[in-house]
Amino acid sequence: METSGAEVIIIDNLTTCADGLADENDATAFRSIMGFLLMMKQAGKTAIVVHHANKSGKDARGSTALEATFEVKLGLERPPVEKPGEASFITQFGKFRGRGNDSLRPRVWTLKGSGWDVQDDTGSADGRVLEAVRSLKFVNQAQVAQALGMAQSSVSKALKRCVILGAAKQDEIDRLFISARSLSGVASEPAGADDTGVTEEATADF
């Protein structure tokens, strides 16, 4: 790279290029690769690593120690509903050390006859809502809505979609809100439908 003046190296894919690794899940085995990537960074070079996802489809395969060297982590996810005859994927930033902006929002890319069609991933809000509920920091939907800058009806619809798509069960969501109430010291107050369930308005809209 120094001889040719190259500024970018693309490793596609990591498993193929580093097939000498004894165990991908062993953090120690990745030290040589991490050392190489750090050397590229110190030399002012950009390294782009293409790697396969694990079985969950949410994280890279192998040891997570490798991610410590990354400035940016961009994942390609399978859409929950696929259309026959169309190549489509969702871009999701899992890590971004720079200053964030609008370009980091999850987007759906679909290859059509006229080229790539790019749309905002409207379903990504569901994950944010479910993550907020699972954090046990919010005792009801109103608090979740306020924290995420959303309308309460949008939070309710998001939770309904999570239940329908199998991301969570309704009784799990109920228990999470009850646990959050207990941790915050308001467990004595009964949990109403507005706190844990799906509002009639959200049901109709969905």
N, C-alpha and C. Protein backbone atom coordinates (compact mmCIF):
# COMPACT_ATOMS: atom_id res chain seq x y z
N MET A 1 0.83 -1.20 0.00
CA MET A 1 0.00 0.00 0.00
C MET A 1 0.86 1.25 0.00
N GLU A 2 1.94 1.23 0.78
CA GLU A 2 2.83 2.39 0.82
C GLU A 2 3.54 2.58 -0.52
N THR A 3 3.92 1.47 -1.14
CA THR A 3 4.62 1.56 -2.42
C THR A 3 3.72 2.10 -3.53
N SER A 4 2.46 1.64 -3.54
CA SER A 4 1.53 2.05 -4.59
C SER A 4 0.79 3.35 -4.27
N GLY A 5 0.88 3.78 -3.03
CA GLY A 5 0.16 4.99 -2.64
C GLY A 5 -1.32 4.75 -2.38
N ALA A 6 -1.71 3.49 -2.21
CA ALA A 6 -3.12 3.16 -1.95
C ALA A 6 -3.55 3.71 -0.60
N GLU A 7 -4.78 4.18 -0.54
CA GLU A 7 -5.31 4.74 0.70
C GLU A 7 -6.37 3.86 1.34
N VAL A 8 -6.93 2.92 0.58
CA VAL A 8 -8.02 2.07 1.09
C VAL A 8 -7.72 0.61 0.77
N ILE A 9 -7.96 -0.26 1.75
CA ILE A 9 -7.86 -1.70 1.53
C ILE A 9 -9.20 -2.32 1.90
N ILE A 10 -9.72 -3.19 1.03
CA ILE A 10 -10.99 -3.86 1.27
C ILE A 10 -10.72 -5.34 1.50
N ILE A 11 -11.07 -5.83 2.67
CA ILE A 11 -10.89 -7.24 3.02
C ILE A 11 -12.24 -7.95 2.83
N ASP A 12 -12.37 -8.69 1.75
CA ASP A 12 -13.66 -9.29 1.39
C ASP A 12 -13.46 -10.76 1.03
N ASN A 13 -13.90 -11.63 1.91
CA ASN A 13 -14.41 -11.37 3.25
C ASN A 13 -13.41 -11.84 4.29
N LEU A 14 -13.67 -11.49 5.54
CA LEU A 14 -12.70 -11.76 6.60
C LEU A 14 -12.43 -13.25 6.78
N THR A 15 -13.47 -14.06 6.73
CA THR A 15 -13.29 -15.50 6.93
C THR A 15 -12.37 -16.10 5.88
N THR A 16 -12.53 -15.68 4.63
CA THR A 16 -11.70 -16.19 3.55
C THR A 16 -10.26 -15.70 3.64
N CYS A 17 -10.12 -14.41 3.95
CA CYS A 17 -8.78 -13.82 4.00
C CYS A 17 -8.00 -14.22 5.24
N ALA A 18 -8.68 -14.65 6.28
CA ALA A 18 -8.01 -15.05 7.53
C ALA A 18 -8.37 -16.48 7.87
N ASP A 19 -8.27 -17.35 6.87
CA ASP A 19 -8.67 -18.74 7.10
C ASP A 19 -7.69 -19.50 7.99
N GLY A 20 -6.59 -18.86 8.38
CA GLY A 20 -5.63 -19.51 9.27
C GLY A 20 -6.01 -19.41 10.74
N LEU A 21 -7.09 -18.69 11.06
CA LEU A 21 -7.51 -18.56 12.45
C LEU A 21 -7.93 -19.91 13.01
N ALA A 22 -7.42 -20.22 14.18
CA ALA A 22 -7.75 -21.50 14.81
C ALA A 22 -9.21 -21.52 15.27
N ASP A 23 -9.68 -20.37 15.80
CA ASP A 23 -11.04 -20.31 16.33
C ASP A 23 -11.54 -18.88 16.23
N GLU A 24 -12.59 -18.67 15.44
CA GLU A 24 -13.13 -17.32 15.26
C GLU A 24 -13.72 -16.76 16.55
N ASN A 25 -14.12 -17.61 17.47
CA ASN A 25 -14.73 -17.15 18.72
C ASN A 25 -13.71 -16.84 19.80
N ASP A 26 -12.44 -17.06 19.52
CA ASP A 26 -11.37 -16.82 20.49
C ASP A 26 -10.80 -15.43 20.28
N ALA A 27 -10.95 -14.56 21.28
CA ALA A 27 -10.46 -13.19 21.18
C ALA A 27 -8.95 -13.16 20.94
N THR A 28 -8.22 -14.10 21.53
CA THR A 28 -6.76 -14.14 21.36
C THR A 28 -6.39 -14.40 19.92
N ALA A 29 -7.18 -15.21 19.23
CA ALA A 29 -6.89 -15.54 17.84
C ALA A 29 -6.99 -14.33 16.92
N PHE A 30 -7.73 -13.32 17.34
CA PHE A 30 -7.94 -12.14 16.52
C PHE A 30 -6.85 -11.08 16.72
N ARG A 31 -5.92 -11.32 17.62
CA ARG A 31 -4.92 -10.29 17.92
C ARG A 31 -4.11 -9.88 16.70
N SER A 32 -3.75 -10.84 15.87
CA SER A 32 -2.96 -10.49 14.68
C SER A 32 -3.75 -9.63 13.72
N ILE A 33 -5.05 -9.92 13.58
CA ILE A 33 -5.90 -9.12 12.70
C ILE A 33 -6.11 -7.73 13.29
N MET A 34 -6.36 -7.66 14.59
CA MET A 34 -6.54 -6.37 15.25
C MET A 34 -5.27 -5.53 15.14
N GLY A 35 -4.12 -6.20 15.28
CA GLY A 35 -2.84 -5.49 15.13
C GLY A 35 -2.68 -4.92 13.73
N PHE A 36 -3.11 -5.69 12.72
CA PHE A 36 -3.02 -5.23 11.34
C PHE A 36 -3.92 -4.02 11.12
N LEU A 37 -5.17 -4.08 11.63
CA LEU A 37 -6.10 -2.97 11.46
C LEU A 37 -5.62 -1.72 12.18
N LEU A 38 -5.04 -1.89 13.36
CA LEU A 38 -4.49 -0.73 14.08
C LEU A 38 -3.31 -0.13 13.34
N MET A 39 -2.52 -0.98 12.72
CA MET A 39 -1.39 -0.50 11.93
C MET A 39 -1.87 0.32 10.74
N MET A 40 -2.97 -0.12 10.11
CA MET A 40 -3.55 0.65 9.00
C MET A 40 -4.04 2.01 9.49
N LYS A 41 -4.66 2.01 10.66
CA LYS A 41 -5.18 3.27 11.21
C LYS A 41 -4.05 4.24 11.52
N GLN A 42 -2.96 3.73 12.11
CA GLN A 42 -1.82 4.57 12.44
C GLN A 42 -1.13 5.12 11.20
N ALA A 43 -1.22 4.36 10.10
CA ALA A 43 -0.60 4.79 8.85
C ALA A 43 -1.51 5.70 8.04
N GLY A 44 -2.69 5.99 8.58
CA GLY A 44 -3.61 6.86 7.87
C GLY A 44 -4.34 6.17 6.74
N LYS A 45 -4.39 4.84 6.77
CA LYS A 45 -5.07 4.08 5.73
C LYS A 45 -6.48 3.69 6.21
N THR A 46 -7.37 3.49 5.26
CA THR A 46 -8.73 3.06 5.58
C THR A 46 -8.88 1.58 5.26
N ALA A 47 -9.34 0.82 6.24
CA ALA A 47 -9.57 -0.61 6.05
C ALA A 47 -11.07 -0.88 6.12
N ILE A 48 -11.60 -1.48 5.08
CA ILE A 48 -13.01 -1.87 5.04
C ILE A 48 -13.06 -3.40 5.13
N VAL A 49 -13.70 -3.90 6.18
CA VAL A 49 -13.76 -5.33 6.42
C VAL A 49 -15.18 -5.84 6.15
N VAL A 50 -15.30 -6.77 5.24
CA VAL A 50 -16.59 -7.42 4.96
C VAL A 50 -16.62 -8.74 5.71
N HIS A 51 -17.66 -8.92 6.52
CA HIS A 51 -17.71 -10.12 7.36
C HIS A 51 -19.14 -10.64 7.43
N HIS A 52 -19.26 -11.94 7.66
CA HIS A 52 -20.58 -12.56 7.77
C HIS A 52 -21.18 -12.31 9.14
N ALA A 53 -22.51 -12.33 9.21
CA ALA A 53 -23.21 -12.20 10.48
C ALA A 53 -23.30 -13.55 11.17
N ASN A 54 -23.56 -13.52 12.47
CA ASN A 54 -23.75 -14.77 13.21
C ASN A 54 -25.17 -15.28 12.99
N LYS A 55 -25.54 -16.33 13.72
CA LYS A 55 -26.84 -16.96 13.51
C LYS A 55 -28.00 -16.03 13.81
N SER A 56 -27.80 -15.09 14.75
CA SER A 56 -28.89 -14.16 15.08
C SER A 56 -29.10 -13.13 13.98
N GLY A 57 -28.05 -12.92 13.16
CA GLY A 57 -28.15 -11.95 12.09
C GLY A 57 -27.96 -10.52 12.54
N LYS A 58 -27.67 -10.32 13.83
CA LYS A 58 -27.54 -8.96 14.37
C LYS A 58 -26.09 -8.53 14.61
N ASP A 59 -25.20 -9.50 14.80
CA ASP A 59 -23.81 -9.18 15.09
C ASP A 59 -22.89 -9.97 14.17
N ALA A 60 -21.62 -9.52 14.11
CA ALA A 60 -20.64 -10.20 13.28
C ALA A 60 -20.31 -11.57 13.86
N ARG A 61 -19.97 -12.50 13.00
CA ARG A 61 -19.60 -13.84 13.45
C ARG A 61 -18.24 -13.81 14.14
N GLY A 62 -18.10 -14.61 15.18
CA GLY A 62 -16.82 -14.70 15.88
C GLY A 62 -16.73 -13.78 17.08
N SER A 63 -15.52 -13.58 17.56
CA SER A 63 -15.27 -12.77 18.76
C SER A 63 -15.63 -11.31 18.53
N THR A 64 -16.26 -10.71 19.55
CA THR A 64 -16.63 -9.29 19.47
C THR A 64 -15.42 -8.38 19.71
N ALA A 65 -14.29 -8.95 20.10
CA ALA A 65 -13.10 -8.14 20.35
C ALA A 65 -12.67 -7.38 19.11
N LEU A 66 -12.95 -7.92 17.95
CA LEU A 66 -12.55 -7.28 16.70
C LEU A 66 -13.19 -5.92 16.53
N GLU A 67 -14.40 -5.75 17.03
CA GLU A 67 -15.14 -4.51 16.82
C GLU A 67 -14.51 -3.32 17.55
N ALA A 68 -13.63 -3.59 18.51
CA ALA A 68 -13.01 -2.50 19.26
C ALA A 68 -12.17 -1.60 18.36
N THR A 69 -11.70 -2.12 17.23
CA THR A 69 -10.85 -1.33 16.35
C THR A 69 -11.65 -0.53 15.32
N PHE A 70 -12.95 -0.79 15.21
CA PHE A 70 -13.76 -0.17 14.17
C PHE A 70 -14.22 1.23 14.54
N GLU A 71 -14.21 2.12 13.57
CA GLU A 71 -14.81 3.44 13.73
C GLU A 71 -16.29 3.38 13.37
N VAL A 72 -16.60 2.55 12.41
CA VAL A 72 -17.98 2.43 11.92
C VAL A 72 -18.32 0.95 11.75
N LYS A 73 -19.52 0.59 12.16
CA LYS A 73 -20.03 -0.75 11.93
C LYS A 73 -21.38 -0.62 11.23
N LEU A 74 -21.44 -1.13 10.02
CA LEU A 74 -22.66 -1.04 9.22
C LEU A 74 -23.12 -2.43 8.86
N GLY A 75 -24.34 -2.77 9.27
CA GLY A 75 -24.87 -4.09 9.00
C GLY A 75 -25.93 -4.07 7.92
N LEU A 76 -26.01 -5.17 7.18
CA LEU A 76 -27.07 -5.36 6.19
C LEU A 76 -28.01 -6.43 6.74
N GLU A 77 -29.26 -6.07 6.95
CA GLU A 77 -30.22 -6.98 7.55
C GLU A 77 -31.30 -7.37 6.55
N ARG A 78 -31.82 -8.57 6.73
CA ARG A 78 -32.90 -9.07 5.88
C ARG A 78 -34.22 -8.40 6.31
N PRO A 79 -35.00 -7.88 5.38
CA PRO A 79 -36.29 -7.28 5.73
C PRO A 79 -37.22 -8.32 6.33
N PRO A 80 -38.08 -7.93 7.28
CA PRO A 80 -39.00 -8.91 7.88
C PRO A 80 -39.99 -9.47 6.87
N VAL A 81 -40.33 -8.67 5.86
CA VAL A 81 -41.23 -9.12 4.80
C VAL A 81 -40.54 -8.91 3.47
N GLU A 82 -40.26 -9.99 2.76
CA GLU A 82 -39.56 -9.91 1.49
C GLU A 82 -40.54 -10.06 0.32
N LYS A 83 -40.28 -9.31 -0.74
CA LYS A 83 -41.11 -9.39 -1.94
C LYS A 83 -40.41 -10.26 -2.97
N PRO A 84 -41.09 -11.25 -3.51
CA PRO A 84 -40.49 -12.12 -4.52
C PRO A 84 -39.99 -11.34 -5.73
N GLY A 85 -38.81 -11.69 -6.19
CA GLY A 85 -38.27 -11.06 -7.38
C GLY A 85 -37.53 -9.75 -7.14
N GLU A 86 -37.43 -9.32 -5.87
CA GLU A 86 -36.74 -8.07 -5.56
C GLU A 86 -35.61 -8.33 -4.56
N ALA A 87 -34.45 -7.78 -4.87
CA ALA A 87 -33.34 -7.84 -3.92
C ALA A 87 -33.48 -6.65 -2.97
N SER A 88 -33.54 -6.93 -1.67
CA SER A 88 -33.79 -5.86 -0.71
C SER A 88 -33.05 -6.13 0.59
N PHE A 89 -32.56 -5.07 1.22
CA PHE A 89 -31.91 -5.20 2.52
C PHE A 89 -32.05 -3.88 3.29
N ILE A 90 -31.83 -3.97 4.60
CA ILE A 90 -31.90 -2.80 5.48
C ILE A 90 -30.49 -2.48 5.97
N THR A 91 -30.09 -1.22 5.84
CA THR A 91 -28.80 -0.79 6.38
C THR A 91 -29.01 -0.27 7.80
N GLN A 92 -28.20 -0.79 8.72
CA GLN A 92 -28.34 -0.43 10.13
C GLN A 92 -26.96 -0.17 10.72
N PHE A 93 -26.72 1.06 11.19
CA PHE A 93 -25.45 1.38 11.82
C PHE A 93 -25.44 0.86 13.25
N GLY A 94 -24.49 -0.03 13.55
CA GLY A 94 -24.35 -0.55 14.90
C GLY A 94 -23.33 0.23 15.71
N LYS A 95 -22.51 1.02 15.02
CA LYS A 95 -21.48 1.80 15.69
C LYS A 95 -21.06 2.95 14.78
N PHE A 96 -20.89 4.14 15.36
CA PHE A 96 -20.44 5.29 14.57
C PHE A 96 -19.79 6.27 15.53
N ARG A 97 -18.47 6.35 15.46
CA ARG A 97 -17.74 7.18 16.41
C ARG A 97 -17.73 8.66 16.04
N GLY A 98 -18.06 8.96 14.78
CA GLY A 98 -18.09 10.35 14.35
C GLY A 98 -19.34 11.06 14.82
N ARG A 99 -19.52 12.26 14.34
CA ARG A 99 -20.69 13.05 14.70
C ARG A 99 -21.88 12.57 13.89
N GLY A 100 -22.93 12.14 14.57
CA GLY A 100 -24.08 11.58 13.88
C GLY A 100 -24.91 12.63 13.17
N ASN A 101 -25.63 12.20 12.14
CA ASN A 101 -26.54 13.07 11.42
C ASN A 101 -27.66 12.23 10.81
N ASP A 102 -28.47 12.86 10.00
CA ASP A 102 -29.64 12.21 9.42
C ASP A 102 -29.30 11.00 8.57
N SER A 103 -28.09 10.95 8.03
CA SER A 103 -27.71 9.85 7.14
C SER A 103 -27.57 8.52 7.87
N LEU A 104 -27.57 8.53 9.20
CA LEU A 104 -27.39 7.30 9.97
C LEU A 104 -28.70 6.56 10.23
N ARG A 105 -29.82 7.13 9.80
CA ARG A 105 -31.10 6.45 10.02
C ARG A 105 -31.15 5.13 9.26
N PRO A 106 -31.78 4.11 9.81
CA PRO A 106 -31.94 2.84 9.08
C PRO A 106 -32.73 3.08 7.79
N ARG A 107 -32.29 2.45 6.71
CA ARG A 107 -32.97 2.61 5.43
C ARG A 107 -33.12 1.27 4.73
N VAL A 108 -34.17 1.18 3.93
CA VAL A 108 -34.44 -0.02 3.16
C VAL A 108 -34.02 0.22 1.71
N TRP A 109 -33.14 -0.64 1.20
CA TRP A 109 -32.64 -0.54 -0.17
C TRP A 109 -33.26 -1.67 -0.99
N THR A 110 -33.89 -1.31 -2.10
CA THR A 110 -34.53 -2.31 -2.95
C THR A 110 -34.09 -2.09 -4.40
N LEU A 111 -33.59 -3.15 -5.02
CA LEU A 111 -33.13 -3.07 -6.40
C LEU A 111 -34.31 -3.31 -7.34
N LYS A 112 -34.65 -2.28 -8.11
CA LYS A 112 -35.75 -2.38 -9.06
C LYS A 112 -35.23 -2.19 -10.47
N GLY A 113 -36.12 -2.25 -11.45
CA GLY A 113 -35.70 -2.14 -12.84
C GLY A 113 -35.03 -0.82 -13.16
N SER A 114 -35.43 0.25 -12.46
CA SER A 114 -34.86 1.58 -12.71
C SER A 114 -33.63 1.87 -11.85
N GLY A 115 -33.26 0.93 -10.99
CA GLY A 115 -32.10 1.14 -10.11
C GLY A 115 -32.48 0.96 -8.66
N TRP A 116 -31.65 1.47 -7.77
CA TRP A 116 -31.89 1.31 -6.33
C TRP A 116 -32.94 2.29 -5.83
N ASP A 117 -33.92 1.77 -5.12
CA ASP A 117 -34.93 2.58 -4.46
C ASP A 117 -34.62 2.58 -2.97
N VAL A 118 -34.45 3.76 -2.38
CA VAL A 118 -34.05 3.88 -0.97
C VAL A 118 -35.14 4.58 -0.19
N GLN A 119 -35.62 3.93 0.86
CA GLN A 119 -36.67 4.48 1.71
C GLN A 119 -36.27 4.36 3.17
N ASP A 120 -36.81 5.27 4.02
CA ASP A 120 -36.58 5.15 5.46
C ASP A 120 -37.21 3.86 5.96
N ASP A 121 -36.56 3.22 6.90
CA ASP A 121 -37.08 1.99 7.50
C ASP A 121 -38.08 2.37 8.58
N THR A 122 -39.35 2.36 8.22
CA THR A 122 -40.39 2.77 9.17
C THR A 122 -40.51 1.81 10.34
N GLY A 123 -40.04 0.58 10.19
CA GLY A 123 -40.15 -0.39 11.27
C GLY A 123 -39.06 -0.26 12.32
N SER A 124 -38.05 0.56 12.08
CA SER A 124 -36.94 0.64 13.02
C SER A 124 -37.35 1.23 14.35
N ALA A 125 -38.40 2.04 14.37
CA ALA A 125 -38.87 2.64 15.62
C ALA A 125 -39.35 1.56 16.58
N ASP A 126 -39.83 0.44 16.03
CA ASP A 126 -40.32 -0.64 16.88
C ASP A 126 -39.21 -1.15 17.79
N GLY A 127 -38.02 -1.34 17.22
CA GLY A 127 -36.89 -1.83 18.00
C GLY A 127 -36.49 -0.86 19.08
N ARG A 128 -36.54 0.44 18.78
CA ARG A 128 -36.19 1.46 19.77
C ARG A 128 -37.18 1.44 20.93
N VAL A 129 -38.45 1.28 20.60
CA VAL A 129 -39.48 1.25 21.64
C VAL A 129 -39.31 0.02 22.52
N LEU A 130 -39.12 -1.14 21.89
CA LEU A 130 -38.97 -2.37 22.66
C LEU A 130 -37.71 -2.33 23.53
N GLU A 131 -36.63 -1.77 22.99
CA GLU A 131 -35.39 -1.64 23.78
C GLU A 131 -35.62 -0.74 24.99
N ALA A 132 -36.38 0.33 24.79
CA ALA A 132 -36.66 1.26 25.89
C ALA A 132 -37.46 0.56 26.98
N VAL A 133 -38.47 -0.23 26.59
CA VAL A 133 -39.29 -0.94 27.57
C VAL A 133 -38.44 -1.95 28.33
N ARG A 134 -37.56 -2.65 27.62
CA ARG A 134 -36.72 -3.66 28.25
C ARG A 134 -35.63 -3.06 29.14
N SER A 135 -35.38 -1.78 29.03
CA SER A 135 -34.38 -1.13 29.88
C SER A 135 -34.87 -0.96 31.31
N LEU A 136 -36.19 -1.11 31.54
CA LEU A 136 -36.81 -0.96 32.86
C LEU A 136 -36.64 0.44 33.42
N LYS A 137 -36.49 1.42 32.54
CA LYS A 137 -36.36 2.80 32.97
C LYS A 137 -37.67 3.58 32.90
N PHE A 138 -38.68 2.98 32.28
CA PHE A 138 -39.93 3.70 32.05
C PHE A 138 -41.11 2.87 32.57
N VAL A 139 -41.99 3.52 33.33
CA VAL A 139 -43.08 2.80 33.98
C VAL A 139 -44.34 2.72 33.12
N ASN A 140 -44.41 3.46 32.03
CA ASN A 140 -45.58 3.40 31.16
C ASN A 140 -45.22 3.89 29.76
N GLN A 141 -46.18 3.77 28.86
CA GLN A 141 -45.97 4.16 27.47
C GLN A 141 -45.73 5.65 27.32
N ALA A 142 -46.36 6.44 28.18
CA ALA A 142 -46.20 7.89 28.11
C ALA A 142 -44.74 8.29 28.32
N GLN A 143 -44.09 7.65 29.29
CA GLN A 143 -42.68 7.95 29.56
C GLN A 143 -41.80 7.52 28.40
N VAL A 144 -42.11 6.36 27.81
CA VAL A 144 -41.35 5.90 26.65
C VAL A 144 -41.49 6.89 25.50
N ALA A 145 -42.72 7.33 25.27
CA ALA A 145 -42.99 8.28 24.19
C ALA A 145 -42.22 9.59 24.39
N GLN A 146 -42.21 10.08 25.62
CA GLN A 146 -41.51 11.33 25.92
C GLN A 146 -40.01 11.18 25.71
N ALA A 147 -39.45 10.04 26.14
CA ALA A 147 -38.01 9.82 26.02
C ALA A 147 -37.57 9.69 24.57
N LEU A 148 -38.41 9.08 23.74
CA LEU A 148 -38.04 8.84 22.35
C LEU A 148 -38.55 9.93 21.41
N GLY A 149 -39.26 10.91 21.96
CA GLY A 149 -39.79 11.98 21.13
C GLY A 149 -40.87 11.52 20.18
N MET A 150 -41.72 10.59 20.66
CA MET A 150 -42.78 10.03 19.84
C MET A 150 -44.14 10.28 20.49
N ALA A 151 -45.19 10.15 19.71
CA ALA A 151 -46.54 10.21 20.25
C ALA A 151 -46.82 8.89 20.97
N GLN A 152 -47.67 8.95 22.02
CA GLN A 152 -47.95 7.72 22.77
C GLN A 152 -48.65 6.69 21.88
N SER A 153 -49.48 7.16 20.95
CA SER A 153 -50.16 6.24 20.03
C SER A 153 -49.14 5.51 19.16
N SER A 154 -48.04 6.19 18.80
CA SER A 154 -46.99 5.55 17.99
C SER A 154 -46.27 4.48 18.79
N VAL A 155 -46.05 4.74 20.09
CA VAL A 155 -45.44 3.74 20.96
C VAL A 155 -46.34 2.52 21.08
N SER A 156 -47.65 2.76 21.22
CA SER A 156 -48.60 1.67 21.34
C SER A 156 -48.63 0.82 20.08
N LYS A 157 -48.62 1.47 18.91
CA LYS A 157 -48.62 0.74 17.65
C LYS A 157 -47.32 -0.06 17.48
N ALA A 158 -46.22 0.54 17.91
CA ALA A 158 -44.93 -0.15 17.80
C ALA A 158 -44.92 -1.43 18.63
N LEU A 159 -45.47 -1.35 19.84
CA LEU A 159 -45.52 -2.53 20.71
C LEU A 159 -46.44 -3.60 20.12
N LYS A 160 -47.52 -3.17 19.49
CA LYS A 160 -48.43 -4.14 18.86
C LYS A 160 -47.72 -4.85 17.71
N ARG A 161 -46.96 -4.10 16.91
CA ARG A 161 -46.23 -4.73 15.81
C ARG A 161 -45.20 -5.72 16.34
N CYS A 162 -44.55 -5.37 17.44
CA CYS A 162 -43.55 -6.27 18.04
C CYS A 162 -44.21 -7.58 18.45
N VAL A 163 -45.41 -7.50 18.99
CA VAL A 163 -46.13 -8.71 19.41
C VAL A 163 -46.55 -9.52 18.19
N ILE A 164 -47.09 -8.85 17.18
CA ILE A 164 -47.57 -9.54 15.98
C ILE A 164 -46.42 -10.22 15.23
N LEU A 165 -45.28 -9.54 15.16
CA LEU A 165 -44.13 -10.07 14.42
C LEU A 165 -43.30 -11.04 15.24
N GLY A 166 -43.66 -11.23 16.51
CA GLY A 166 -42.96 -12.21 17.34
C GLY A 166 -41.71 -11.70 18.02
N ALA A 167 -41.48 -10.38 17.98
CA ALA A 167 -40.30 -9.82 18.65
C ALA A 167 -40.46 -9.83 20.17
N ALA A 168 -41.70 -9.84 20.64
CA ALA A 168 -41.97 -9.88 22.08
C ALA A 168 -43.38 -10.43 22.28
N LYS A 169 -43.66 -10.86 23.50
CA LYS A 169 -45.00 -11.32 23.84
C LYS A 169 -45.67 -10.27 24.72
N GLN A 170 -46.99 -10.21 24.63
CA GLN A 170 -47.71 -9.19 25.39
C GLN A 170 -47.50 -9.33 26.88
N ASP A 171 -47.50 -10.59 27.39
CA ASP A 171 -47.29 -10.78 28.83
C ASP A 171 -45.88 -10.37 29.24
N GLU A 172 -44.90 -10.49 28.32
CA GLU A 172 -43.54 -10.04 28.62
C GLU A 172 -43.52 -8.52 28.78
N ILE A 173 -44.21 -7.81 27.87
CA ILE A 173 -44.27 -6.36 27.94
C ILE A 173 -44.95 -5.92 29.23
N ASP A 174 -46.04 -6.61 29.59
CA ASP A 174 -46.74 -6.31 30.85
C ASP A 174 -45.80 -6.45 32.04
N ARG A 175 -45.06 -7.58 32.08
CA ARG A 175 -44.15 -7.83 33.20
C ARG A 175 -43.03 -6.78 33.26
N LEU A 176 -42.55 -6.34 32.11
CA LEU A 176 -41.47 -5.35 32.08
C LEU A 176 -41.93 -4.02 32.68
N PHE A 177 -43.13 -3.59 32.34
CA PHE A 177 -43.65 -2.35 32.92
C PHE A 177 -43.88 -2.50 34.42
N ILE A 178 -44.36 -3.66 34.86
CA ILE A 178 -44.57 -3.90 36.28
C ILE A 178 -43.23 -3.87 37.02
N SER A 179 -42.20 -4.50 36.42
CA SER A 179 -40.86 -4.49 37.04
C SER A 179 -40.31 -3.07 37.12
N ALA A 180 -40.54 -2.29 36.07
CA ALA A 180 -40.06 -0.91 36.07
C ALA A 180 -40.74 -0.11 37.17
N ARG A 181 -42.04 -0.36 37.39
CA ARG A 181 -42.77 0.31 38.47
C ARG A 181 -42.20 -0.08 39.83
N SER A 182 -41.88 -1.36 39.97
CA SER A 182 -41.34 -1.83 41.24
C SER A 182 -39.99 -1.18 41.53
N LEU A 183 -39.15 -1.09 40.51
CA LEU A 183 -37.82 -0.50 40.68
C LEU A 183 -37.89 0.99 40.98
N SER A 184 -38.92 1.64 40.44
CA SER A 184 -39.03 3.09 40.64
C SER A 184 -39.79 3.45 41.90
N GLY A 185 -40.32 2.44 42.60
CA GLY A 185 -41.01 2.70 43.86
C GLY A 185 -42.47 3.04 43.72
N VAL A 186 -43.08 2.78 42.55
CA VAL A 186 -44.50 3.07 42.36
C VAL A 186 -45.28 1.79 42.09
N ALA A 187 -44.77 0.67 42.63
CA ALA A 187 -45.40 -0.62 42.38
C ALA A 187 -46.80 -0.71 42.96
N SER A 188 -47.10 0.13 43.94
CA SER A 188 -48.42 0.07 44.56
C SER A 188 -49.51 0.58 43.65
N GLU A 189 -49.15 1.38 42.65
CA GLU A 189 -50.14 1.90 41.73
C GLU A 189 -50.48 0.84 40.69
N PRO A 190 -51.77 0.59 40.47
CA PRO A 190 -52.15 -0.43 39.48
C PRO A 190 -51.77 0.00 38.07
N ALA A 191 -51.36 -0.96 37.26
CA ALA A 191 -51.00 -0.68 35.88
C ALA A 191 -52.24 -0.75 35.02
N GLY A 192 -52.55 0.35 34.33
CA GLY A 192 -53.73 0.40 33.49
C GLY A 192 -53.40 0.04 32.06
N ALA A 193 -54.43 0.04 31.22
CA ALA A 193 -54.26 -0.32 29.81
C ALA A 193 -53.32 0.65 29.10
N ASP A 194 -53.37 1.93 29.52
CA ASP A 194 -52.51 2.93 28.87
C ASP A 194 -51.04 2.67 29.17
N ASP A 195 -50.78 1.94 30.23
CA ASP A 195 -49.40 1.69 30.63
C ASP A 195 -48.77 0.52 29.88
N THR A 196 -49.51 -0.55 29.72
CA THR A 196 -48.90 -1.76 29.17
C THR A 196 -49.54 -2.27 27.89
N GLY A 197 -50.81 -2.00 27.69
CA GLY A 197 -51.53 -2.57 26.56
C GLY A 197 -51.48 -1.70 25.32
N VAL A 198 -52.25 -2.09 24.33
CA VAL A 198 -52.34 -1.36 23.07
C VAL A 198 -53.63 -0.57 23.06
N THR A 199 -53.57 0.73 22.81
CA THR A 199 -54.76 1.57 22.83
C THR A 199 -55.68 1.23 21.67
N GLU A 200 -56.96 1.55 21.81
CA GLU A 200 -57.93 1.29 20.75
C GLU A 200 -57.57 2.06 19.48
N GLU A 201 -57.08 3.30 19.67
CA GLU A 201 -56.68 4.12 18.53
C GLU A 201 -55.56 3.45 17.75
N ALA A 202 -54.58 2.93 18.48
CA ALA A 202 -53.44 2.27 17.82
C ALA A 202 -53.90 1.01 17.09
N THR A 203 -54.83 0.28 17.74
CA THR A 203 -55.33 -0.95 17.10
C THR A 203 -56.03 -0.64 15.79
N ALA A 204 -56.81 0.42 15.80
CA ALA A 204 -57.54 0.80 14.58
C ALA A 204 -56.59 1.27 13.48
N ASP A 205 -55.59 2.04 13.87
CA ASP A 205 -54.63 2.57 12.89
C ASP A 205 -53.80 1.45 12.28
N PHE A 206 -53.46 0.45 13.12
CA PHE A 206 -52.61 -0.64 12.66
C PHE A 206 -53.36 -1.53 11.68
